[in-house]
Amino acid sequence: MDKKLTSLTLPQEYEVLLKTMLNMDGKMDQLLPLLDLLNDPDHPMSELGQALIEALQRIAEDLRKATKLREEHRAALNQANETTAALSQMLKDISEQLQDIRAENRSLKPQISEIHGLMFSPVD
């Protein structure tokens, strides 16, 4: 998953999802000891509640960042698709122009040959 990205290489959606899920898995692992403290009758609940709130806020912020990143990737992909379509149309237009030039060259070839023949034919 550690690829060097170029300007036209975007991570696949599954890669972004996998990275997000792995991060979430780590966050959930952080919550488990806090939840275990709920079963500890000697631990003050206010500290536990505050710790849980902070952990959940960190998770929510990570989710917001992952959503923003996914939206940015989607926008970049859409832009790349639009650029590709425009370039494809330009290549098609250039190809058509080249075909027209080739056709014109083919039609001029006999005329040029005739002119050459007249230029190099002996004069009476």
PDB file of N, CA and C in Angstrom:
ATOM      1  N   MET A   1       0.817  -1.178   0.000  1.00  0.00           N
ATOM      2  CA  MET A   1       0.000   0.000   0.000  1.00  0.00           C
ATOM      3  C   MET A   1       0.870   1.254   0.000  1.00  0.00           C
ATOM      4  N   ASP A   2       2.167   1.138   0.236  1.00  0.00           N
ATOM      5  CA  ASP A   2       3.064   2.280   0.191  1.00  0.00           C
ATOM      6  C   ASP A   2       3.561   2.459  -1.232  1.00  0.00           C
ATOM      7  N   LYS A   3       2.790   3.141  -2.061  1.00  0.00           N
ATOM      8  CA  LYS A   3       3.157   3.414  -3.441  1.00  0.00           C
ATOM      9  C   LYS A   3       3.578   4.860  -3.535  1.00  0.00           C
ATOM     10  N   LYS A   4       4.499   5.123  -4.467  1.00  0.00           N
ATOM     11  CA  LYS A   4       4.825   6.505  -4.750  1.00  0.00           C
ATOM     12  C   LYS A   4       3.798   6.990  -5.753  1.00  0.00           C
ATOM     13  N   LEU A   5       3.004   7.990  -5.383  1.00  0.00           N
ATOM     14  CA  LEU A   5       1.926   8.463  -6.225  1.00  0.00           C
ATOM     15  C   LEU A   5       2.428   9.558  -7.162  1.00  0.00           C
ATOM     16  N   THR A   6       1.994   9.504  -8.398  1.00  0.00           N
ATOM     17  CA  THR A   6       2.260  10.578  -9.340  1.00  0.00           C
ATOM     18  C   THR A   6       1.011  11.430  -9.419  1.00  0.00           C
ATOM     19  N   SER A   7       1.078  12.476 -10.228  1.00  0.00           N
ATOM     20  CA  SER A   7      -0.053  13.385 -10.282  1.00  0.00           C
ATOM     21  C   SER A   7      -1.307  12.726 -10.848  1.00  0.00           C
ATOM     22  N   LEU A   8      -1.155  11.653 -11.632  1.00  0.00           N
ATOM     23  CA  LEU A   8      -2.323  10.999 -12.205  1.00  0.00           C
ATOM     24  C   LEU A   8      -2.644   9.674 -11.529  1.00  0.00           C
ATOM     25  N   THR A   9      -1.873   9.297 -10.500  1.00  0.00           N
ATOM     26  CA  THR A   9      -2.118   8.030  -9.817  1.00  0.00           C
ATOM     27  C   THR A   9      -2.767   8.317  -8.476  1.00  0.00           C
ATOM     28  N   LEU A  10      -4.016   7.916  -8.369  1.00  0.00           N
ATOM     29  CA  LEU A  10      -4.745   8.105  -7.116  1.00  0.00           C
ATOM     30  C   LEU A  10      -4.903   6.759  -6.431  1.00  0.00           C
ATOM     31  N   PRO A  11      -4.930   6.767  -5.091  1.00  0.00           N
ATOM     32  CA  PRO A  11      -5.144   5.483  -4.424  1.00  0.00           C
ATOM     33  C   PRO A  11      -6.541   4.967  -4.744  1.00  0.00           C
ATOM     34  N   GLN A  12      -6.638   3.657  -4.815  1.00  0.00           N
ATOM     35  CA  GLN A  12      -7.935   3.038  -5.058  1.00  0.00           C
ATOM     36  C   GLN A  12      -8.806   3.251  -3.820  1.00  0.00           C
ATOM     37  N   GLU A  13     -10.127   3.224  -4.028  1.00  0.00           N
ATOM     38  CA  GLU A  13     -11.034   3.448  -2.900  1.00  0.00           C
ATOM     39  C   GLU A  13     -10.822   2.400  -1.813  1.00  0.00           C
ATOM     40  N   TYR A  14     -10.521   1.153  -2.227  1.00  0.00           N
ATOM     41  CA  TYR A  14     -10.328   0.116  -1.216  1.00  0.00           C
ATOM     42  C   TYR A  14      -9.084   0.402  -0.374  1.00  0.00           C
ATOM     43  N   GLU A  15      -8.061   1.061  -0.969  1.00  0.00           N
ATOM     44  CA  GLU A  15      -6.867   1.388  -0.201  1.00  0.00           C
ATOM     45  C   GLU A  15      -7.171   2.442   0.859  1.00  0.00           C
ATOM     46  N   VAL A  16      -7.951   3.442   0.470  1.00  0.00           N
ATOM     47  CA  VAL A  16      -8.340   4.495   1.416  1.00  0.00           C
ATOM     48  C   VAL A  16      -9.202   3.894   2.519  1.00  0.00           C
ATOM     49  N   LEU A  17     -10.145   3.031   2.121  1.00  0.00           N
ATOM     50  CA  LEU A  17     -11.016   2.380   3.101  1.00  0.00           C
ATOM     51  C   LEU A  17     -10.216   1.494   4.051  1.00  0.00           C
ATOM     52  N   LEU A  18      -9.272   0.720   3.501  1.00  0.00           N
ATOM     53  CA  LEU A  18      -8.457  -0.159   4.338  1.00  0.00           C
ATOM     54  C   LEU A  18      -7.638   0.652   5.339  1.00  0.00           C
ATOM     55  N   LYS A  19      -7.025   1.726   4.868  1.00  0.00           N
ATOM     56  CA  LYS A  19      -6.230   2.563   5.772  1.00  0.00           C
ATOM     57  C   LYS A  19      -7.105   3.150   6.883  1.00  0.00           C
ATOM     58  N   THR A  20      -8.292   3.600   6.505  1.00  0.00           N
ATOM     59  CA  THR A  20      -9.213   4.166   7.494  1.00  0.00           C
ATOM     60  C   THR A  20      -9.638   3.108   8.506  1.00  0.00           C
ATOM     61  N   MET A  21      -9.940   1.910   7.997  1.00  0.00           N
ATOM     62  CA  MET A  21     -10.365   0.833   8.895  1.00  0.00           C
ATOM     63  C   MET A  21      -9.236   0.432   9.844  1.00  0.00           C
ATOM     64  N   LEU A  22      -7.997   0.381   9.329  1.00  0.00           N
ATOM     65  CA  LEU A  22      -6.870   0.033  10.196  1.00  0.00           C
ATOM     66  C   LEU A  22      -6.682   1.087  11.286  1.00  0.00           C
ATOM     67  N   ASN A  23      -6.850   2.366  10.908  1.00  0.00           N
ATOM     68  CA  ASN A  23      -6.750   3.427  11.916  1.00  0.00           C
ATOM     69  C   ASN A  23      -7.871   3.304  12.938  1.00  0.00           C
ATOM     70  N   MET A  24      -9.084   2.990  12.444  1.00  0.00           N
ATOM     71  CA  MET A  24     -10.214   2.853  13.360  1.00  0.00           C
ATOM     72  C   MET A  24     -10.004   1.662  14.291  1.00  0.00           C
ATOM     73  N   ASP A  25      -9.423   0.599  13.772  1.00  0.00           N
ATOM     74  CA  ASP A  25      -9.162  -0.579  14.590  1.00  0.00           C
ATOM     75  C   ASP A  25      -8.244  -0.195  15.747  1.00  0.00           C
ATOM     76  N   GLY A  26      -7.227   0.601  15.457  1.00  0.00           N
ATOM     77  CA  GLY A  26      -6.321   1.064  16.512  1.00  0.00           C
ATOM     78  C   GLY A  26      -7.037   1.928  17.527  1.00  0.00           C
ATOM     79  N   LYS A  27      -7.946   2.766  17.042  1.00  0.00           N
ATOM     80  CA  LYS A  27      -8.705   3.620  17.964  1.00  0.00           C
ATOM     81  C   LYS A  27      -9.614   2.776  18.857  1.00  0.00           C
ATOM     82  N   MET A  28     -10.209   1.768  18.272  1.00  0.00           N
ATOM     83  CA  MET A  28     -11.083   0.901  19.063  1.00  0.00           C
ATOM     84  C   MET A  28     -10.260   0.142  20.114  1.00  0.00           C
ATOM     85  N   ASP A  29      -9.042  -0.257  19.743  1.00  0.00           N
ATOM     86  CA  ASP A  29      -8.176  -0.926  20.723  1.00  0.00           C
ATOM     87  C   ASP A  29      -7.856   0.001  21.892  1.00  0.00           C
ATOM     88  N   GLN A  30      -7.787   1.304  21.611  1.00  0.00           N
ATOM     89  CA  GLN A  30      -7.549   2.260  22.692  1.00  0.00           C
ATOM     90  C   GLN A  30      -8.760   2.356  23.616  1.00  0.00           C
ATOM     91  N   LEU A  31      -9.934   2.118  23.075  1.00  0.00           N
ATOM     92  CA  LEU A  31     -11.156   2.222  23.888  1.00  0.00           C
ATOM     93  C   LEU A  31     -11.335   1.040  24.834  1.00  0.00           C
ATOM     94  N   LEU A  32     -10.838  -0.134  24.447  1.00  0.00           N
ATOM     95  CA  LEU A  32     -11.071  -1.335  25.250  1.00  0.00           C
ATOM     96  C   LEU A  32     -10.574  -1.196  26.688  1.00  0.00           C
ATOM     97  N   PRO A  33      -9.342  -0.712  26.926  1.00  0.00           N
ATOM     98  CA  PRO A  33      -8.930  -0.548  28.334  1.00  0.00           C
ATOM     99  C   PRO A  33      -9.819   0.448  29.084  1.00  0.00           C
ATOM    100  N   LEU A  34     -10.287   1.474  28.360  1.00  0.00           N
ATOM    101  CA  LEU A  34     -11.163   2.444  29.021  1.00  0.00           C
ATOM    102  C   LEU A  34     -12.495   1.794  29.406  1.00  0.00           C
ATOM    103  N   LEU A  35     -12.989   0.947  28.527  1.00  0.00           N
ATOM    104  CA  LEU A  35     -14.243   0.258  28.848  1.00  0.00           C
ATOM    105  C   LEU A  35     -14.049  -0.734  29.993  1.00  0.00           C
ATOM    106  N   ASP A  36     -12.868  -1.345  30.062  1.00  0.00           N
ATOM    107  CA  ASP A  36     -12.591  -2.252  31.177  1.00  0.00           C
ATOM    108  C   ASP A  36     -12.637  -1.518  32.513  1.00  0.00           C
ATOM    109  N   LEU A  37     -12.273  -0.235  32.469  1.00  0.00           N
ATOM    110  CA  LEU A  37     -12.307   0.547  33.705  1.00  0.00           C
ATOM    111  C   LEU A  37     -13.732   0.714  34.236  1.00  0.00           C
ATOM    112  N   LEU A  38     -14.719   0.598  33.344  1.00  0.00           N
ATOM    113  CA  LEU A  38     -16.104   0.690  33.810  1.00  0.00           C
ATOM    114  C   LEU A  38     -16.438  -0.422  34.801  1.00  0.00           C
ATOM    115  N   ASN A  39     -15.772  -1.539  34.640  1.00  0.00           N
ATOM    116  CA  ASN A  39     -16.024  -2.675  35.536  1.00  0.00           C
ATOM    117  C   ASN A  39     -15.232  -2.571  36.836  1.00  0.00           C
ATOM    118  N   ASP A  40     -14.336  -1.588  36.919  1.00  0.00           N
ATOM    119  CA  ASP A  40     -13.524  -1.411  38.119  1.00  0.00           C
ATOM    120  C   ASP A  40     -14.297  -0.516  39.093  1.00  0.00           C
ATOM    121  N   PRO A  41     -14.791  -1.084  40.205  1.00  0.00           N
ATOM    122  CA  PRO A  41     -15.597  -0.280  41.141  1.00  0.00           C
ATOM    123  C   PRO A  41     -14.788   0.774  41.880  1.00  0.00           C
ATOM    124  N   ASP A  42     -13.458   0.646  41.917  1.00  0.00           N
ATOM    125  CA  ASP A  42     -12.634   1.596  42.666  1.00  0.00           C
ATOM    126  C   ASP A  42     -12.226   2.811  41.834  1.00  0.00           C
ATOM    127  N   HIS A  43     -12.509   2.803  40.533  1.00  0.00           N
ATOM    128  CA  HIS A  43     -12.071   3.892  39.660  1.00  0.00           C
ATOM    129  C   HIS A  43     -13.153   4.960  39.582  1.00  0.00           C
ATOM    130  N   PRO A  44     -12.757   6.223  39.722  1.00  0.00           N
ATOM    131  CA  PRO A  44     -13.771   7.282  39.651  1.00  0.00           C
ATOM    132  C   PRO A  44     -14.337   7.397  38.232  1.00  0.00           C
ATOM    133  N   MET A  45     -15.637   7.407  38.131  1.00  0.00           N
ATOM    134  CA  MET A  45     -16.307   7.376  36.827  1.00  0.00           C
ATOM    135  C   MET A  45     -16.124   8.667  36.037  1.00  0.00           C
ATOM    136  N   SER A  46     -15.935   9.778  36.730  1.00  0.00           N
ATOM    137  CA  SER A  46     -15.825  11.043  36.005  1.00  0.00           C
ATOM    138  C   SER A  46     -14.578  11.046  35.120  1.00  0.00           C
ATOM    139  N   GLU A  47     -13.476  10.516  35.610  1.00  0.00           N
ATOM    140  CA  GLU A  47     -12.249  10.445  34.800  1.00  0.00           C
ATOM    141  C   GLU A  47     -12.447   9.510  33.619  1.00  0.00           C
ATOM    142  N   LEU A  48     -13.126   8.411  33.874  1.00  0.00           N
ATOM    143  CA  LEU A  48     -13.383   7.458  32.802  1.00  0.00           C
ATOM    144  C   LEU A  48     -14.276   8.075  31.725  1.00  0.00           C
ATOM    145  N   GLY A  49     -15.326   8.751  32.166  1.00  0.00           N
ATOM    146  CA  GLY A  49     -16.230   9.402  31.209  1.00  0.00           C
ATOM    147  C   GLY A  49     -15.502  10.419  30.355  1.00  0.00           C
ATOM    148  N   GLN A  50     -14.651  11.218  31.001  1.00  0.00           N
ATOM    149  CA  GLN A  50     -13.878  12.221  30.264  1.00  0.00           C
ATOM    150  C   GLN A  50     -12.937  11.553  29.272  1.00  0.00           C
ATOM    151  N   ALA A  51     -12.293  10.479  29.689  1.00  0.00           N
ATOM    152  CA  ALA A  51     -11.380   9.756  28.796  1.00  0.00           C
ATOM    153  C   ALA A  51     -12.136   9.165  27.606  1.00  0.00           C
ATOM    154  N   LEU A  52     -13.322   8.628  27.859  1.00  0.00           N
ATOM    155  CA  LEU A  52     -14.137   8.077  26.771  1.00  0.00           C
ATOM    156  C   LEU A  52     -14.574   9.173  25.797  1.00  0.00           C
ATOM    157  N   ILE A  53     -14.980  10.300  26.332  1.00  0.00           N
ATOM    158  CA  ILE A  53     -15.398  11.415  25.482  1.00  0.00           C
ATOM    159  C   ILE A  53     -14.244  11.868  24.603  1.00  0.00           C
ATOM    160  N   GLU A  54     -13.059  12.009  25.171  1.00  0.00           N
ATOM    161  CA  GLU A  54     -11.893  12.440  24.399  1.00  0.00           C
ATOM    162  C   GLU A  54     -11.546  11.418  23.312  1.00  0.00           C
ATOM    163  N   ALA A  55     -11.615  10.125  23.661  1.00  0.00           N
ATOM    164  CA  ALA A  55     -11.322   9.086  22.678  1.00  0.00           C
ATOM    165  C   ALA A  55     -12.333   9.117  21.540  1.00  0.00           C
ATOM    166  N   LEU A  56     -13.610   9.288  21.878  1.00  0.00           N
ATOM    167  CA  LEU A  56     -14.648   9.350  20.849  1.00  0.00           C
ATOM    168  C   LEU A  56     -14.509  10.606  19.984  1.00  0.00           C
ATOM    169  N   GLN A  57     -14.092  11.705  20.593  1.00  0.00           N
ATOM    170  CA  GLN A  57     -13.867  12.917  19.815  1.00  0.00           C
ATOM    171  C   GLN A  57     -12.713  12.736  18.832  1.00  0.00           C
ATOM    172  N   ARG A  58     -11.645  12.044  19.258  1.00  0.00           N
ATOM    173  CA  ARG A  58     -10.519  11.771  18.351  1.00  0.00           C
ATOM    174  C   ARG A  58     -10.973  10.888  17.189  1.00  0.00           C
ATOM    175  N   ILE A  59     -11.789   9.893  17.499  1.00  0.00           N
ATOM    176  CA  ILE A  59     -12.303   9.000  16.449  1.00  0.00           C
ATOM    177  C   ILE A  59     -13.176   9.783  15.477  1.00  0.00           C
ATOM    178  N   ALA A  60     -14.049  10.636  16.001  1.00  0.00           N
ATOM    179  CA  ALA A  60     -14.925  11.435  15.138  1.00  0.00           C
ATOM    180  C   ALA A  60     -14.098  12.349  14.231  1.00  0.00           C
ATOM    181  N   GLU A  61     -13.054  12.949  14.779  1.00  0.00           N
ATOM    182  CA  GLU A  61     -12.183  13.822  13.974  1.00  0.00           C
ATOM    183  C   GLU A  61     -11.471  13.018  12.887  1.00  0.00           C
ATOM    184  N   ASP A  62     -11.001  11.828  13.219  1.00  0.00           N
ATOM    185  CA  ASP A  62     -10.360  10.970  12.215  1.00  0.00           C
ATOM    186  C   ASP A  62     -11.338  10.602  11.103  1.00  0.00           C
ATOM    187  N   LEU A  63     -12.572  10.334  11.476  1.00  0.00           N
ATOM    188  CA  LEU A  63     -13.596  10.017  10.468  1.00  0.00           C
ATOM    189  C   LEU A  63     -13.874  11.219   9.564  1.00  0.00           C
ATOM    190  N   ARG A  64     -13.922  12.412  10.148  1.00  0.00           N
ATOM    191  CA  ARG A  64     -14.116  13.619   9.341  1.00  0.00           C
ATOM    192  C   ARG A  64     -12.961  13.804   8.358  1.00  0.00           C
ATOM    193  N   LYS A  65     -11.732  13.582   8.842  1.00  0.00           N
ATOM    194  CA  LYS A  65     -10.565  13.712   7.957  1.00  0.00           C
ATOM    195  C   LYS A  65     -10.598  12.674   6.842  1.00  0.00           C
ATOM    196  N   ALA A  66     -10.981  11.451   7.160  1.00  0.00           N
ATOM    197  CA  ALA A  66     -11.052  10.390   6.143  1.00  0.00           C
ATOM    198  C   ALA A  66     -12.125  10.719   5.107  1.00  0.00           C
ATOM    199  N   THR A  67     -13.238  11.265   5.555  1.00  0.00           N
ATOM    200  CA  THR A  67     -14.308  11.651   4.630  1.00  0.00           C
ATOM    201  C   THR A  67     -13.835  12.781   3.715  1.00  0.00           C
ATOM    202  N   LYS A  68     -13.159  13.755   4.294  1.00  0.00           N
ATOM    203  CA  LYS A  68     -12.643  14.871   3.495  1.00  0.00           C
ATOM    204  C   LYS A  68     -11.629  14.354   2.475  1.00  0.00           C
ATOM    205  N   LEU A  69     -10.750  13.475   2.899  1.00  0.00           N
ATOM    206  CA  LEU A  69      -9.753  12.907   1.996  1.00  0.00           C
ATOM    207  C   LEU A  69     -10.422  12.141   0.865  1.00  0.00           C
ATOM    208  N   ARG A  70     -11.442  11.369   1.173  1.00  0.00           N
ATOM    209  CA  ARG A  70     -12.165  10.614   0.145  1.00  0.00           C
ATOM    210  C   ARG A  70     -12.811  11.574  -0.853  1.00  0.00           C
ATOM    211  N   GLU A  71     -13.404  12.663  -0.363  1.00  0.00           N
ATOM    212  CA  GLU A  71     -14.020  13.647  -1.246  1.00  0.00           C
ATOM    213  C   GLU A  71     -12.973  14.320  -2.131  1.00  0.00           C
ATOM    214  N   GLU A  72     -11.809  14.631  -1.556  1.00  0.00           N
ATOM    215  CA  GLU A  72     -10.734  15.234  -2.352  1.00  0.00           C
ATOM    216  C   GLU A  72     -10.259  14.275  -3.433  1.00  0.00           C
ATOM    217  N   HIS A  73     -10.119  13.002  -3.091  1.00  0.00           N
ATOM    218  CA  HIS A  73      -9.686  12.009  -4.074  1.00  0.00           C
ATOM    219  C   HIS A  73     -10.725  11.869  -5.185  1.00  0.00           C
ATOM    220  N   ARG A  74     -11.989  11.869  -4.810  1.00  0.00           N
ATOM    221  CA  ARG A  74     -13.059  11.761  -5.814  1.00  0.00           C
ATOM    222  C   ARG A  74     -13.031  12.972  -6.751  1.00  0.00           C
ATOM    223  N   ALA A  75     -12.839  14.165  -6.194  1.00  0.00           N
ATOM    224  CA  ALA A  75     -12.776  15.380  -7.019  1.00  0.00           C
ATOM    225  C   ALA A  75     -11.565  15.329  -7.962  1.00  0.00           C
ATOM    226  N   ALA A  76     -10.423  14.877  -7.436  1.00  0.00           N
ATOM    227  CA  ALA A  76      -9.231  14.769  -8.274  1.00  0.00           C
ATOM    228  C   ALA A  76      -9.427  13.738  -9.377  1.00  0.00           C
ATOM    229  N   LEU A  77     -10.086  12.647  -9.053  1.00  0.00           N
ATOM    230  CA  LEU A  77     -10.366  11.618 -10.056  1.00  0.00           C
ATOM    231  C   LEU A  77     -11.317  12.149 -11.122  1.00  0.00           C
ATOM    232  N   ASN A  78     -12.340  12.870 -10.712  1.00  0.00           N
ATOM    233  CA  ASN A  78     -13.260  13.471 -11.681  1.00  0.00           C
ATOM    234  C   ASN A  78     -12.525  14.452 -12.590  1.00  0.00           C
ATOM    235  N   GLN A  79     -11.634  15.249 -12.006  1.00  0.00           N
ATOM    236  CA  GLN A  79     -10.852  16.206 -12.802  1.00  0.00           C
ATOM    237  C   GLN A  79      -9.951  15.462 -13.780  1.00  0.00           C
ATOM    238  N   ALA A  80      -9.322  14.385 -13.321  1.00  0.00           N
ATOM    239  CA  ALA A  80      -8.460  13.591 -14.198  1.00  0.00           C
ATOM    240  C   ALA A  80      -9.274  12.967 -15.332  1.00  0.00           C
ATOM    241  N   ASN A  81     -10.477  12.502 -15.031  1.00  0.00           N
ATOM    242  CA  ASN A  81     -11.345  11.941 -16.072  1.00  0.00           C
ATOM    243  C   ASN A  81     -11.732  12.997 -17.093  1.00  0.00           C
ATOM    244  N   GLU A  82     -12.044  14.209 -16.636  1.00  0.00           N
ATOM    245  CA  GLU A  82     -12.389  15.294 -17.552  1.00  0.00           C
ATOM    246  C   GLU A  82     -11.194  15.661 -18.430  1.00  0.00           C
ATOM    247  N   THR A  83     -10.024  15.713 -17.834  1.00  0.00           N
ATOM    248  CA  THR A  83      -8.814  16.025 -18.584  1.00  0.00           C
ATOM    249  C   THR A  83      -8.532  14.949 -19.618  1.00  0.00           C
ATOM    250  N   THR A  84      -8.696  13.699 -19.217  1.00  0.00           N
ATOM    251  CA  THR A  84      -8.481  12.581 -20.146  1.00  0.00           C
ATOM    252  C   THR A  84      -9.454  12.660 -21.316  1.00  0.00           C
ATOM    253  N   ALA A  85     -10.695  12.976 -21.045  1.00  0.00           N
ATOM    254  CA  ALA A  85     -11.697  13.092 -22.108  1.00  0.00           C
ATOM    255  C   ALA A  85     -11.336  14.236 -23.058  1.00  0.00           C
ATOM    256  N   ALA A  86     -10.902  15.366 -22.502  1.00  0.00           N
ATOM    257  CA  ALA A  86     -10.519  16.505 -23.341  1.00  0.00           C
ATOM    258  C   ALA A  86      -9.309  16.157 -24.202  1.00  0.00           C
ATOM    259  N   LEU A  87      -8.322  15.496 -23.601  1.00  0.00           N
ATOM    260  CA  LEU A  87      -7.136  15.094 -24.358  1.00  0.00           C
ATOM    261  C   LEU A  87      -7.497  14.081 -25.442  1.00  0.00           C
ATOM    262  N   SER A  88      -8.391  13.189 -25.131  1.00  0.00           N
ATOM    263  CA  SER A  88      -8.839  12.203 -26.109  1.00  0.00           C
ATOM    264  C   SER A  88      -9.504  12.894 -27.298  1.00  0.00           C
ATOM    265  N   GLN A  89     -10.320  13.894 -27.019  1.00  0.00           N
ATOM    266  CA  GLN A  89     -10.973  14.637 -28.096  1.00  0.00           C
ATOM    267  C   GLN A  89      -9.942  15.396 -28.929  1.00  0.00           C
ATOM    268  N   MET A  90      -8.942  15.982 -28.264  1.00  0.00           N
ATOM    269  CA  MET A  90      -7.887  16.686 -28.999  1.00  0.00           C
ATOM    270  C   MET A  90      -7.126  15.727 -29.903  1.00  0.00           C
ATOM    271  N   LEU A  91      -6.809  14.544 -29.405  1.00  0.00           N
ATOM    272  CA  LEU A  91      -6.105  13.548 -30.219  1.00  0.00           C
ATOM    273  C   LEU A  91      -6.956  13.116 -31.404  1.00  0.00           C
ATOM    274  N   LYS A  92      -8.228  12.973 -31.186  1.00  0.00           N
ATOM    275  CA  LYS A  92      -9.140  12.604 -32.274  1.00  0.00           C
ATOM    276  C   LYS A  92      -9.147  13.691 -33.339  1.00  0.00           C
ATOM    277  N   ASP A  93      -9.226  14.959 -32.912  1.00  0.00           N
ATOM    278  CA  ASP A  93      -9.223  16.077 -33.856  1.00  0.00           C
ATOM    279  C   ASP A  93      -7.919  16.129 -34.643  1.00  0.00           C
ATOM    280  N   ILE A  94      -6.802  15.935 -33.960  1.00  0.00           N
ATOM    281  CA  ILE A  94      -5.493  15.946 -34.627  1.00  0.00           C
ATOM    282  C   ILE A  94      -5.402  14.791 -35.621  1.00  0.00           C
ATOM    283  N   SER A  95      -5.903  13.643 -35.227  1.00  0.00           N
ATOM    284  CA  SER A  95      -5.891  12.486 -36.120  1.00  0.00           C
ATOM    285  C   SER A  95      -6.698  12.766 -37.384  1.00  0.00           C
ATOM    286  N   GLU A  96      -7.861  13.388 -37.222  1.00  0.00           N
ATOM    287  CA  GLU A  96      -8.685  13.734 -38.379  1.00  0.00           C
ATOM    288  C   GLU A  96      -7.964  14.740 -39.275  1.00  0.00           C
ATOM    289  N   GLN A  97      -7.295  15.717 -38.666  1.00  0.00           N
ATOM    290  CA  GLN A  97      -6.541  16.697 -39.456  1.00  0.00           C
ATOM    291  C   GLN A  97      -5.414  16.018 -40.233  1.00  0.00           C
ATOM    292  N   LEU A  98      -4.729  15.082 -39.585  1.00  0.00           N
ATOM    293  CA  LEU A  98      -3.649  14.357 -40.263  1.00  0.00           C
ATOM    294  C   LEU A  98      -4.198  13.529 -41.427  1.00  0.00           C
ATOM    295  N   GLN A  99      -5.341  12.930 -41.235  1.00  0.00           N
ATOM    296  CA  GLN A  99      -5.953  12.161 -42.330  1.00  0.00           C
ATOM    297  C   GLN A  99      -6.309  13.078 -43.493  1.00  0.00           C
ATOM    298  N   ASP A 100      -6.805  14.273 -43.206  1.00  0.00           N
ATOM    299  CA  ASP A 100      -7.121  15.243 -44.264  1.00  0.00           C
ATOM    300  C   ASP A 100      -5.848  15.661 -45.005  1.00  0.00           C
ATOM    301  N   ILE A 101      -4.777  15.901 -44.253  1.00  0.00           N
ATOM    302  CA  ILE A 101      -3.502  16.290 -44.867  1.00  0.00           C
ATOM    303  C   ILE A 101      -2.968  15.164 -45.741  1.00  0.00           C
ATOM    304  N   ARG A 102      -3.061  13.932 -45.260  1.00  0.00           N
ATOM    305  CA  ARG A 102      -2.608  12.791 -46.064  1.00  0.00           C
ATOM    306  C   ARG A 102      -3.411  12.675 -47.352  1.00  0.00           C
ATOM    307  N   ALA A 103      -4.719  12.850 -47.247  1.00  0.00           N
ATOM    308  CA  ALA A 103      -5.575  12.778 -48.435  1.00  0.00           C
ATOM    309  C   ALA A 103      -5.204  13.884 -49.425  1.00  0.00           C
ATOM    310  N   GLU A 104      -4.955  15.077 -48.906  1.00  0.00           N
ATOM    311  CA  GLU A 104      -4.561  16.191 -49.771  1.00  0.00           C
ATOM    312  C   GLU A 104      -3.213  15.916 -50.421  1.00  0.00           C
ATOM    313  N   ASN A 105      -2.287  15.359 -49.648  1.00  0.00           N
ATOM    314  CA  ASN A 105      -0.967  15.015 -50.206  1.00  0.00           C
ATOM    315  C   ASN A 105      -1.097  13.983 -51.322  1.00  0.00           C
ATOM    316  N   ARG A 106      -1.969  12.985 -51.100  1.00  0.00           N
ATOM    317  CA  ARG A 106      -2.178  11.967 -52.139  1.00  0.00           C
ATOM    318  C   ARG A 106      -2.749  12.585 -53.413  1.00  0.00           C
ATOM    319  N   SER A 107      -3.653  13.555 -53.253  1.00  0.00           N
ATOM    320  CA  SER A 107      -4.242  14.176 -54.443  1.00  0.00           C
ATOM    321  C   SER A 107      -3.245  15.105 -55.143  1.00  0.00           C
ATOM    322  N   LEU A 108      -2.296  15.692 -54.387  1.00  0.00           N
ATOM    323  CA  LEU A 108      -1.304  16.591 -54.983  1.00  0.00           C
ATOM    324  C   LEU A 108      -0.147  15.837 -55.638  1.00  0.00           C
ATOM    325  N   LYS A 109       0.077  14.623 -55.204  1.00  0.00           N
ATOM    326  CA  LYS A 109       1.213  13.850 -55.714  1.00  0.00           C
ATOM    327  C   LYS A 109       1.186  13.723 -57.239  1.00  0.00           C
ATOM    328  N   PRO A 110       0.066  13.335 -57.886  1.00  0.00           N
ATOM    329  CA  PRO A 110       0.068  13.250 -59.355  1.00  0.00           C
ATOM    330  C   PRO A 110       0.311  14.607 -60.015  1.00  0.00           C
ATOM    331  N   GLN A 111      -0.237  15.670 -59.428  1.00  0.00           N
ATOM    332  CA  GLN A 111      -0.031  16.997 -59.999  1.00  0.00           C
ATOM    333  C   GLN A 111       1.440  17.403 -59.924  1.00  0.00           C
ATOM    334  N   ILE A 112       2.071  17.114 -58.786  1.00  0.00           N
ATOM    335  CA  ILE A 112       3.502  17.429 -58.617  1.00  0.00           C
ATOM    336  C   ILE A 112       4.324  16.611 -59.603  1.00  0.00           C
ATOM    337  N   SER A 113       3.972  15.341 -59.762  1.00  0.00           N
ATOM    338  CA  SER A 113       4.686  14.496 -60.729  1.00  0.00           C
ATOM    339  C   SER A 113       4.546  15.055 -62.142  1.00  0.00           C
ATOM    340  N   GLU A 114       3.366  15.522 -62.486  1.00  0.00           N
ATOM    341  CA  GLU A 114       3.142  16.094 -63.820  1.00  0.00           C
ATOM    342  C   GLU A 114       3.974  17.355 -64.008  1.00  0.00           C
ATOM    343  N   ILE A 115       3.996  18.212 -62.979  1.00  0.00           N
ATOM    344  CA  ILE A 115       4.794  19.451 -63.063  1.00  0.00           C
ATOM    345  C   ILE A 115       6.273  19.105 -63.205  1.00  0.00           C
ATOM    346  N   HIS A 116       6.747  18.132 -62.456  1.00  0.00           N
ATOM    347  CA  HIS A 116       8.155  17.715 -62.561  1.00  0.00           C
ATOM    348  C   HIS A 116       8.445  17.205 -63.968  1.00  0.00           C
ATOM    349  N   GLY A 117       7.500  16.425 -64.485  1.00  0.00           N
ATOM    350  CA  GLY A 117       7.677  15.907 -65.844  1.00  0.00           C
ATOM    351  C   GLY A 117       7.785  17.024 -66.849  1.00  0.00           C
ATOM    352  N   LEU A 118       6.961  18.055 -66.698  1.00  0.00           N
ATOM    353  CA  LEU A 118       7.012  19.186 -67.624  1.00  0.00           C
ATOM    354  C   LEU A 118       8.295  19.986 -67.448  1.00  0.00           C
ATOM    355  N   MET A 119       8.754  20.122 -66.212  1.00  0.00           N
ATOM    356  CA  MET A 119       9.963  20.897 -65.962  1.00  0.00           C
ATOM    357  C   MET A 119      11.194  20.226 -66.544  1.00  0.00           C
ATOM    358  N   PHE A 120      11.227  18.902 -66.480  1.00  0.00           N
ATOM    359  CA  PHE A 120      12.427  18.202 -66.919  1.00  0.00           C
ATOM    360  C   PHE A 120      12.302  17.614 -68.323  1.00  0.00           C
ATOM    361  N   SER A 121      11.187  17.878 -68.993  1.00  0.00           N
ATOM    362  CA  SER A 121      11.061  17.372 -70.365  1.00  0.00           C
ATOM    363  C   SER A 121      11.800  18.325 -71.302  1.00  0.00           C
ATOM    364  N   PRO A 122      12.335  17.782 -72.394  1.00  0.00           N
ATOM    365  CA  PRO A 122      13.077  18.650 -73.330  1.00  0.00           C
ATOM    366  C   PRO A 122      12.149  19.654 -73.976  1.00  0.00           C
ATOM    367  N   VAL A 123      12.671  20.827 -74.202  1.00  0.00           N
ATOM    368  CA  VAL A 123      11.909  21.925 -74.809  1.00  0.00           C
ATOM    369  C   VAL A 123      12.145  21.854 -76.316  1.00  0.00           C
ATOM    370  N   ASP A 124      11.108  21.924 -77.134  1.00  0.00           N
ATOM    371  CA  ASP A 124      11.243  21.898 -78.615  1.00  0.00           C
ATOM    372  C   ASP A 124      11.589  23.230 -79.167  1.00  0.00           C
TER     373      ASP A 124
END
